[in-house]
N, C-alpha and C. Protein backbone atom coordinates (compact mmCIF):
# COMPACT_ATOMS: atom_id res chain seq x y z
N MET A 1 232.55 261.75 59.24
CA MET A 1 231.65 262.60 59.59
C MET A 1 230.29 261.74 60.25
N THR A 2 229.96 260.69 59.74
CA THR A 2 229.05 259.86 60.39
C THR A 2 229.43 259.50 62.00
N ASP A 3 230.77 259.56 62.08
CA ASP A 3 231.06 259.21 63.61
C ASP A 3 230.86 260.08 64.35
N VAL A 4 230.80 261.68 64.14
CA VAL A 4 230.42 262.69 64.99
C VAL A 4 228.94 262.84 64.77
N VAL A 5 228.45 262.27 64.20
CA VAL A 5 226.69 262.64 64.14
C VAL A 5 226.60 261.50 65.46
N ASN A 6 226.97 260.21 65.42
CA ASN A 6 226.95 259.22 66.40
C ASN A 6 227.29 259.47 67.44
N GLU A 7 228.07 260.72 68.07
CA GLU A 7 228.60 261.07 69.18
C GLU A 7 230.05 260.33 69.58
N ASP A 8 230.75 259.73 68.52
CA ASP A 8 231.95 259.17 68.57
C ASP A 8 233.09 260.28 68.40
N PHE A 9 233.42 260.93 69.14
CA PHE A 9 234.17 262.17 68.83
C PHE A 9 235.80 261.82 68.89
N ASP A 10 235.99 260.57 69.44
CA ASP A 10 237.25 259.91 69.30
C ASP A 10 237.79 259.38 68.02
N ALA A 11 236.82 259.67 66.73
CA ALA A 11 237.27 259.61 65.64
C ALA A 11 238.07 260.51 64.70
N PHE A 12 238.23 261.37 65.86
CA PHE A 12 239.33 262.40 65.16
C PHE A 12 240.65 262.48 65.94
N THR A 13 241.69 262.34 65.18
CA THR A 13 243.27 262.40 66.10
C THR A 13 243.45 263.65 66.12
N ASP A 14 244.46 263.64 66.90
CA ASP A 14 245.19 265.06 67.67
C ASP A 14 245.69 265.66 66.45
N GLU A 15 246.26 265.14 65.39
CA GLU A 15 246.51 265.66 64.00
C GLU A 15 245.51 266.35 63.37
N ASP A 16 244.63 265.66 63.28
CA ASP A 16 243.34 266.23 62.88
C ASP A 16 242.87 267.80 63.51
N LEU A 17 242.66 267.17 64.80
CA LEU A 17 242.41 268.52 65.52
C LEU A 17 243.31 269.79 65.50
N ASP A 18 244.66 269.27 65.56
CA ASP A 18 245.71 270.49 65.43
C ASP A 18 245.88 271.29 63.91
N ARG A 19 245.40 270.27 63.11
CA ARG A 19 245.39 270.78 61.53
C ARG A 19 244.05 271.92 61.53
N ALA A 20 242.99 271.49 62.17
CA ALA A 20 241.62 272.41 62.41
C ALA A 20 242.05 273.79 62.98
N ASP A 21 242.83 273.62 64.25
CA ASP A 21 243.27 274.56 65.11
C ASP A 21 243.98 275.77 64.02
N LEU A 22 245.15 275.20 63.49
CA LEU A 22 246.17 275.94 62.72
C LEU A 22 244.91 276.49 61.43
N LEU A 23 244.30 276.13 60.86
CA LEU A 23 243.41 276.60 59.94
C LEU A 23 242.57 277.64 60.35
N HIS A 24 241.97 277.57 61.54
CA HIS A 24 241.03 278.44 62.30
C HIS A 24 242.05 279.60 62.46
N ALA A 25 243.44 279.59 62.79
CA ALA A 25 244.33 280.49 63.30
C ALA A 25 244.53 281.48 61.79
N ALA A 26 244.94 280.44 61.02
CA ALA A 26 245.03 281.12 59.54
C ALA A 26 244.32 281.96 58.82
N SER A 27 243.09 281.46 58.95
CA SER A 27 241.93 282.36 58.51
C SER A 27 241.66 283.77 59.45
N GLY A 28 241.97 283.53 60.39
CA GLY A 28 241.80 284.72 61.51
C GLY A 28 242.82 285.85 61.17
N VAL A 29 244.02 285.36 60.55
CA VAL A 29 245.05 286.18 60.14
C VAL A 29 244.81 286.75 59.00
N VAL A 30 244.31 286.04 58.18
CA VAL A 30 243.97 286.76 56.78
C VAL A 30 242.40 287.60 56.75
N GLN A 31 241.56 287.40 57.83
CA GLN A 31 240.39 288.34 57.93
C GLN A 31 241.14 289.41 58.67
N PHE A 32 241.78 289.42 59.71
CA PHE A 32 242.37 290.67 60.15
C PHE A 32 243.44 291.46 59.10
N ALA A 33 243.87 290.87 58.34
CA ALA A 33 244.73 291.86 57.14
C ALA A 33 243.90 292.22 56.31
N THR A 34 243.10 291.76 55.91
CA THR A 34 241.92 292.12 54.75
C THR A 34 241.08 293.51 55.55
N VAL A 35 240.69 293.29 56.94
CA VAL A 35 240.42 294.42 57.45
C VAL A 35 241.41 295.62 57.70
N VAL A 36 242.33 295.39 57.79
CA VAL A 36 243.27 296.41 57.96
C VAL A 36 243.40 296.94 56.54
N ALA A 37 243.83 296.26 55.63
CA ALA A 37 243.90 296.55 53.94
C ALA A 37 242.96 297.51 53.62
N THR A 38 241.40 297.30 54.10
CA THR A 38 240.24 297.77 53.58
C THR A 38 240.12 299.00 54.29
N ALA A 39 240.47 299.32 55.77
CA ALA A 39 240.76 300.49 56.43
C ALA A 39 241.74 301.39 55.86
N VAL A 40 243.04 301.04 55.25
CA VAL A 40 243.93 301.91 55.02
C VAL A 40 243.41 302.51 53.35
N VAL A 41 242.88 301.44 52.58
CA VAL A 41 242.06 302.00 51.24
C VAL A 41 241.26 303.08 51.58
N PHE A 42 240.21 302.76 52.69
CA PHE A 42 239.15 303.93 53.11
C PHE A 42 239.51 305.06 53.37
N LEU A 43 240.60 305.29 54.45
CA LEU A 43 241.55 305.98 54.67
C LEU A 43 242.15 307.16 53.66
N VAL A 44 242.55 306.47 52.75
CA VAL A 44 243.31 307.09 51.78
C VAL A 44 242.07 307.93 50.66
N MET A 45 241.31 306.93 50.61
CA MET A 45 240.00 307.70 49.80
C MET A 45 239.34 308.95 50.35
N GLN A 46 239.11 308.76 51.54
CA GLN A 46 238.60 309.58 52.29
C GLN A 46 239.45 310.91 52.17
N HIS A 47 240.90 310.87 52.51
CA HIS A 47 241.87 311.96 52.49
C HIS A 47 241.68 312.82 50.99
N ALA A 48 241.88 311.64 50.26
CA ALA A 48 241.65 312.19 48.44
C ALA A 48 240.60 312.95 48.40
N LYS A 49 239.55 312.76 49.09
CA LYS A 49 238.10 313.45 48.97
C LYS A 49 238.18 314.61 49.74
N ALA A 50 238.35 314.67 51.05
CA ALA A 50 238.55 315.82 51.58
C ALA A 50 239.58 316.63 50.67
N THR A 51 240.86 316.60 50.05
CA THR A 51 241.38 317.67 49.79
C THR A 51 241.14 317.86 48.40
N GLY A 52 240.20 317.19 47.78
CA GLY A 52 239.94 317.26 46.36
C GLY A 52 241.04 316.72 45.45
N ALA A 53 241.85 315.92 46.05
CA ALA A 53 242.82 315.25 44.98
C ALA A 53 242.32 314.01 44.22
N PRO A 54 242.55 313.98 43.10
CA PRO A 54 242.12 312.68 42.22
C PRO A 54 242.35 311.64 43.01
N ALA A 55 241.46 310.70 43.02
CA ALA A 55 241.44 309.43 43.39
C ALA A 55 242.17 308.40 42.46
């Protein structure tokens, strides 16, 4: 990590950069799935409240 501080960006290999890209993409997928699941639960609860059904 001190190599980056010293502006030696060649300290990282292509494999390191590919792994970072993969982890970044995976975290985006997990975040999107979490937002979708939260929206579904919200809509179900709103429907239950509007119809007077028990949650």
